[in-house]
Amino acid sequence: MYLPKLMKSAAVDCFGPPSVIKIHELPVPQPGSDEILIRVETAGIGSWDTSMRDGSWRRPGRTTFPLVLGADGAGVVVAKGSRASGFQIGDRVYAYEFGNPKGGFYAEWR
């Protein structure tokens, strides 16, 4: 399956009000050995996304910017690590994650 090198993402370069959200062109993350990569078709929007954007909720450790927002989404598995089990390329999936250092679900490529 074709994977582009870049994706468009709604991300922040610092915590703050809605105006800090900008469109970034970022590298498509590569799945680790026990991870899958999902091509996002639908991203959820919840009240917790505001807390991620303004910095009132942070994952443990230091925040790396740009921070791609979006804690939940659905799409299709397009790549997987060598030890990832239970999923196949082409599976339709839903996922939920607040602290993924590789970014959230507000990202897409065409």
N, C-alpha and C. Protein backbone atom coordinates (compact mmCIF):
# COMPACT_ATOMS: atom_id res chain seq x y z
N MET A 1 0.85 -1.18 0.00
CA MET A 1 0.00 0.00 0.00
C MET A 1 0.90 1.24 0.00
N TYR A 2 0.51 2.23 -0.78
CA TYR A 2 1.26 3.48 -0.87
C TYR A 2 1.10 4.29 0.41
N LEU A 3 2.21 4.72 0.99
CA LEU A 3 2.20 5.62 2.13
C LEU A 3 2.98 6.87 1.76
N PRO A 4 2.34 8.02 1.81
CA PRO A 4 3.06 9.26 1.50
C PRO A 4 4.05 9.58 2.61
N LYS A 5 4.95 10.47 2.34
CA LYS A 5 5.93 10.89 3.34
C LYS A 5 5.36 11.96 4.27
N LEU A 6 4.38 12.75 3.77
CA LEU A 6 3.84 13.86 4.54
C LEU A 6 2.32 13.78 4.68
N MET A 7 1.79 14.38 5.74
CA MET A 7 0.35 14.47 5.98
C MET A 7 0.03 15.87 6.45
N LYS A 8 -1.23 16.26 6.26
CA LYS A 8 -1.70 17.53 6.81
C LYS A 8 -2.30 17.25 8.18
N SER A 9 -1.95 18.11 9.14
CA SER A 9 -2.37 17.89 10.52
C SER A 9 -2.83 19.19 11.15
N ALA A 10 -3.86 19.10 11.99
CA ALA A 10 -4.26 20.23 12.82
C ALA A 10 -3.47 20.09 14.12
N ALA A 11 -2.54 21.02 14.33
CA ALA A 11 -1.62 20.91 15.45
C ALA A 11 -1.40 22.27 16.10
N VAL A 12 -0.81 22.23 17.28
CA VAL A 12 -0.47 23.46 17.98
C VAL A 12 1.04 23.52 18.21
N ASP A 13 1.57 24.74 18.16
CA ASP A 13 2.99 24.96 18.44
C ASP A 13 3.20 25.44 19.87
N CYS A 14 2.09 25.76 20.55
CA CYS A 14 2.11 26.14 21.95
C CYS A 14 0.68 25.97 22.47
N PHE A 15 0.53 25.87 23.77
CA PHE A 15 -0.81 25.76 24.34
C PHE A 15 -1.50 27.12 24.31
N GLY A 16 -2.83 27.11 24.16
CA GLY A 16 -3.55 28.37 24.17
C GLY A 16 -4.98 28.23 23.67
N PRO A 17 -5.58 29.35 23.23
CA PRO A 17 -6.97 29.38 22.77
C PRO A 17 -7.08 28.72 21.39
N PRO A 18 -8.30 28.60 20.86
CA PRO A 18 -8.48 27.97 19.55
C PRO A 18 -7.60 28.57 18.44
N SER A 19 -7.24 29.82 18.55
CA SER A 19 -6.44 30.46 17.50
C SER A 19 -5.04 29.87 17.36
N VAL A 20 -4.57 29.06 18.33
CA VAL A 20 -3.24 28.46 18.21
C VAL A 20 -3.22 27.24 17.29
N ILE A 21 -4.40 26.74 16.92
CA ILE A 21 -4.47 25.57 16.03
C ILE A 21 -4.11 26.02 14.62
N LYS A 22 -3.15 25.36 14.03
CA LYS A 22 -2.69 25.67 12.66
C LYS A 22 -2.58 24.37 11.86
N ILE A 23 -2.68 24.50 10.55
CA ILE A 23 -2.46 23.35 9.68
C ILE A 23 -0.96 23.21 9.44
N HIS A 24 -0.45 22.03 9.72
CA HIS A 24 0.97 21.72 9.54
C HIS A 24 1.10 20.61 8.50
N GLU A 25 2.18 20.60 7.78
CA GLU A 25 2.53 19.47 6.94
C GLU A 25 3.65 18.73 7.67
N LEU A 26 3.34 17.53 8.16
CA LEU A 26 4.25 16.77 9.02
C LEU A 26 4.53 15.40 8.43
N PRO A 27 5.62 14.76 8.84
CA PRO A 27 5.90 13.41 8.37
C PRO A 27 4.83 12.42 8.85
N VAL A 28 4.50 11.48 8.00
CA VAL A 28 3.60 10.39 8.40
C VAL A 28 4.39 9.53 9.39
N PRO A 29 3.83 9.27 10.58
CA PRO A 29 4.57 8.47 11.56
C PRO A 29 4.73 7.03 11.10
N GLN A 30 5.84 6.43 11.45
CA GLN A 30 6.08 5.02 11.15
C GLN A 30 5.69 4.20 12.37
N PRO A 31 4.95 3.10 12.17
CA PRO A 31 4.55 2.30 13.34
C PRO A 31 5.76 1.60 13.96
N GLY A 32 5.79 1.58 15.29
CA GLY A 32 6.80 0.80 16.01
C GLY A 32 6.51 -0.68 15.85
N SER A 33 7.35 -1.50 16.40
CA SER A 33 7.23 -2.94 16.18
C SER A 33 5.91 -3.53 16.67
N ASP A 34 5.29 -2.93 17.69
CA ASP A 34 4.01 -3.45 18.20
C ASP A 34 2.86 -2.46 17.97
N GLU A 35 2.98 -1.63 16.94
CA GLU A 35 1.97 -0.61 16.65
C GLU A 35 1.38 -0.80 15.25
N ILE A 36 0.22 -0.16 15.05
CA ILE A 36 -0.38 -0.08 13.72
C ILE A 36 -0.48 1.39 13.31
N LEU A 37 -0.54 1.63 12.02
CA LEU A 37 -0.77 2.98 11.49
C LEU A 37 -2.16 2.99 10.87
N ILE A 38 -2.96 3.97 11.27
CA ILE A 38 -4.35 4.09 10.80
C ILE A 38 -4.45 5.28 9.87
N ARG A 39 -4.99 5.06 8.67
CA ARG A 39 -5.34 6.19 7.79
C ARG A 39 -6.70 6.69 8.28
N VAL A 40 -6.70 7.89 8.82
CA VAL A 40 -7.89 8.44 9.48
C VAL A 40 -8.96 8.75 8.45
N GLU A 41 -10.17 8.27 8.72
CA GLU A 41 -11.34 8.62 7.92
C GLU A 41 -12.29 9.51 8.71
N THR A 42 -12.30 9.33 10.04
CA THR A 42 -13.17 10.12 10.91
C THR A 42 -12.43 10.39 12.22
N ALA A 43 -12.39 11.64 12.63
CA ALA A 43 -11.80 12.00 13.91
C ALA A 43 -12.89 12.53 14.82
N GLY A 44 -12.86 12.09 16.07
CA GLY A 44 -13.83 12.57 17.03
C GLY A 44 -13.43 13.93 17.58
N ILE A 45 -14.42 14.67 18.04
CA ILE A 45 -14.19 15.94 18.70
C ILE A 45 -14.92 15.89 20.04
N GLY A 46 -14.16 16.02 21.12
CA GLY A 46 -14.75 15.95 22.44
C GLY A 46 -14.28 17.09 23.32
N SER A 47 -14.92 17.23 24.46
CA SER A 47 -14.57 18.31 25.39
C SER A 47 -13.11 18.17 25.85
N TRP A 48 -12.58 16.97 25.90
CA TRP A 48 -11.19 16.75 26.33
C TRP A 48 -10.20 17.33 25.34
N ASP A 49 -10.58 17.49 24.07
CA ASP A 49 -9.67 18.07 23.08
C ASP A 49 -9.33 19.52 23.43
N THR A 50 -10.25 20.22 24.05
CA THR A 50 -9.99 21.58 24.51
C THR A 50 -8.89 21.57 25.57
N SER A 51 -8.93 20.60 26.46
CA SER A 51 -7.91 20.49 27.51
C SER A 51 -6.55 20.16 26.92
N MET A 52 -6.52 19.37 25.86
CA MET A 52 -5.25 19.08 25.20
C MET A 52 -4.70 20.34 24.54
N ARG A 53 -5.56 21.10 23.88
CA ARG A 53 -5.14 22.30 23.17
C ARG A 53 -4.65 23.39 24.10
N ASP A 54 -5.34 23.59 25.23
CA ASP A 54 -4.95 24.70 26.11
C ASP A 54 -3.91 24.31 27.16
N GLY A 55 -3.55 23.03 27.21
CA GLY A 55 -2.50 22.58 28.11
C GLY A 55 -2.94 22.22 29.50
N SER A 56 -4.26 22.28 29.79
CA SER A 56 -4.71 21.91 31.13
C SER A 56 -4.65 20.40 31.35
N TRP A 57 -4.57 19.61 30.28
CA TRP A 57 -4.29 18.18 30.37
C TRP A 57 -3.03 17.92 29.55
N ARG A 58 -2.09 17.26 30.15
CA ARG A 58 -0.86 16.91 29.44
C ARG A 58 -0.49 15.47 29.75
N ARG A 59 0.08 14.80 28.77
CA ARG A 59 0.58 13.46 29.03
C ARG A 59 1.82 13.60 29.92
N PRO A 60 2.15 12.55 30.65
CA PRO A 60 3.35 12.62 31.51
C PRO A 60 4.60 12.93 30.69
N GLY A 61 5.50 13.69 31.27
CA GLY A 61 6.73 14.04 30.57
C GLY A 61 6.60 15.36 29.84
N ARG A 62 7.58 15.66 29.05
CA ARG A 62 7.64 16.93 28.34
C ARG A 62 6.84 16.86 27.05
N THR A 63 6.07 17.89 26.77
CA THR A 63 5.28 17.97 25.54
C THR A 63 6.19 18.38 24.39
N THR A 64 6.07 17.68 23.28
CA THR A 64 6.82 18.00 22.07
C THR A 64 5.88 18.69 21.09
N PHE A 65 6.30 19.81 20.57
CA PHE A 65 5.52 20.55 19.59
C PHE A 65 6.15 20.39 18.22
N PRO A 66 5.41 20.44 17.13
CA PRO A 66 3.95 20.63 17.12
C PRO A 66 3.24 19.40 17.67
N LEU A 67 2.17 19.64 18.39
CA LEU A 67 1.35 18.60 18.99
C LEU A 67 0.10 18.43 18.13
N VAL A 68 -0.04 17.26 17.51
CA VAL A 68 -1.22 16.95 16.70
C VAL A 68 -2.35 16.59 17.66
N LEU A 69 -3.47 17.28 17.52
CA LEU A 69 -4.61 17.08 18.40
C LEU A 69 -5.47 15.90 17.94
N GLY A 70 -6.44 15.54 18.75
CA GLY A 70 -7.40 14.50 18.39
C GLY A 70 -7.17 13.22 19.15
N ALA A 71 -8.02 12.93 20.14
CA ALA A 71 -7.83 11.76 21.00
C ALA A 71 -8.50 10.50 20.46
N ASP A 72 -9.44 10.62 19.56
CA ASP A 72 -10.08 9.40 19.05
C ASP A 72 -10.44 9.53 17.58
N GLY A 73 -10.44 8.39 16.91
CA GLY A 73 -10.73 8.39 15.49
C GLY A 73 -10.92 6.98 14.96
N ALA A 74 -11.33 6.93 13.71
CA ALA A 74 -11.57 5.65 13.04
C ALA A 74 -11.01 5.72 11.64
N GLY A 75 -10.64 4.57 11.11
CA GLY A 75 -10.10 4.51 9.76
C GLY A 75 -9.68 3.11 9.40
N VAL A 76 -8.65 3.01 8.57
CA VAL A 76 -8.20 1.73 8.02
C VAL A 76 -6.74 1.52 8.38
N VAL A 77 -6.40 0.30 8.79
CA VAL A 77 -5.01 -0.06 9.07
C VAL A 77 -4.25 -0.08 7.74
N VAL A 78 -3.18 0.72 7.64
CA VAL A 78 -2.41 0.79 6.40
C VAL A 78 -0.97 0.28 6.57
N ALA A 79 -0.52 0.12 7.80
CA ALA A 79 0.81 -0.44 8.06
C ALA A 79 0.82 -0.97 9.48
N LYS A 80 1.71 -1.92 9.72
CA LYS A 80 1.83 -2.44 11.08
C LYS A 80 3.25 -2.90 11.31
N GLY A 81 3.64 -2.85 12.60
CA GLY A 81 4.95 -3.29 12.99
C GLY A 81 5.07 -4.80 12.96
N SER A 82 6.29 -5.29 13.03
CA SER A 82 6.56 -6.73 12.91
C SER A 82 5.94 -7.55 14.03
N ARG A 83 5.71 -6.97 15.19
CA ARG A 83 5.12 -7.70 16.31
C ARG A 83 3.67 -7.33 16.58
N ALA A 84 3.08 -6.49 15.74
CA ALA A 84 1.68 -6.10 15.93
C ALA A 84 0.79 -7.28 15.56
N SER A 85 -0.08 -7.66 16.48
CA SER A 85 -0.95 -8.80 16.22
C SER A 85 -2.40 -8.39 16.43
N GLY A 86 -3.30 -9.17 15.88
CA GLY A 86 -4.72 -8.91 16.04
C GLY A 86 -5.30 -7.99 14.97
N PHE A 87 -4.47 -7.42 14.12
CA PHE A 87 -4.93 -6.53 13.06
C PHE A 87 -4.25 -6.90 11.75
N GLN A 88 -4.98 -6.70 10.67
CA GLN A 88 -4.43 -6.92 9.33
C GLN A 88 -4.53 -5.62 8.53
N ILE A 89 -3.66 -5.46 7.56
CA ILE A 89 -3.76 -4.32 6.65
C ILE A 89 -5.15 -4.36 6.02
N GLY A 90 -5.83 -3.24 6.01
CA GLY A 90 -7.18 -3.16 5.45
C GLY A 90 -8.29 -3.25 6.48
N ASP A 91 -7.97 -3.66 7.71
CA ASP A 91 -9.00 -3.72 8.76
C ASP A 91 -9.50 -2.32 9.07
N ARG A 92 -10.81 -2.21 9.27
CA ARG A 92 -11.41 -0.95 9.71
C ARG A 92 -11.37 -0.96 11.24
N VAL A 93 -10.88 0.15 11.82
CA VAL A 93 -10.66 0.18 13.26
C VAL A 93 -11.09 1.52 13.86
N TYR A 94 -11.29 1.49 15.18
CA TYR A 94 -11.51 2.68 15.99
C TYR A 94 -10.44 2.66 17.08
N ALA A 95 -9.91 3.82 17.42
CA ALA A 95 -8.91 3.88 18.48
C ALA A 95 -9.11 5.15 19.31
N TYR A 96 -8.60 5.09 20.53
CA TYR A 96 -8.73 6.17 21.50
C TYR A 96 -7.41 6.27 22.26
N GLU A 97 -6.76 7.41 22.22
CA GLU A 97 -5.47 7.56 22.89
C GLU A 97 -5.19 9.02 23.19
N PHE A 98 -4.95 9.32 24.45
CA PHE A 98 -4.62 10.69 24.84
C PHE A 98 -3.13 10.99 24.74
N GLY A 99 -2.29 10.04 25.05
CA GLY A 99 -0.89 10.34 25.23
C GLY A 99 0.06 9.83 24.17
N ASN A 100 -0.39 9.58 22.96
CA ASN A 100 0.50 9.04 21.93
C ASN A 100 1.51 10.10 21.51
N PRO A 101 2.80 9.87 21.76
CA PRO A 101 3.80 10.87 21.38
C PRO A 101 3.93 11.06 19.87
N LYS A 102 3.36 10.14 19.08
CA LYS A 102 3.42 10.27 17.62
C LYS A 102 2.30 11.15 17.09
N GLY A 103 1.39 11.56 17.95
CA GLY A 103 0.35 12.49 17.55
C GLY A 103 -1.04 11.92 17.64
N GLY A 104 -2.01 12.82 17.41
CA GLY A 104 -3.41 12.46 17.50
C GLY A 104 -4.04 12.19 16.15
N PHE A 105 -5.37 12.25 16.12
CA PHE A 105 -6.14 11.85 14.94
C PHE A 105 -6.51 13.00 14.00
N TYR A 106 -6.13 14.23 14.32
CA TYR A 106 -6.46 15.35 13.43
C TYR A 106 -5.40 15.43 12.34
N ALA A 107 -5.33 14.40 11.51
CA ALA A 107 -4.33 14.33 10.44
C ALA A 107 -4.87 13.48 9.29
N GLU A 108 -4.44 13.84 8.08
CA GLU A 108 -4.90 13.08 6.91
C GLU A 108 -3.92 13.22 5.77
N TRP A 109 -4.03 12.29 4.85
CA TRP A 109 -3.35 12.41 3.55
C TRP A 109 -4.29 11.88 2.50
N ARG A 110 -4.06 12.27 1.28
CA ARG A 110 -4.91 11.83 0.15
C ARG A 110 -4.11 11.04 -0.82
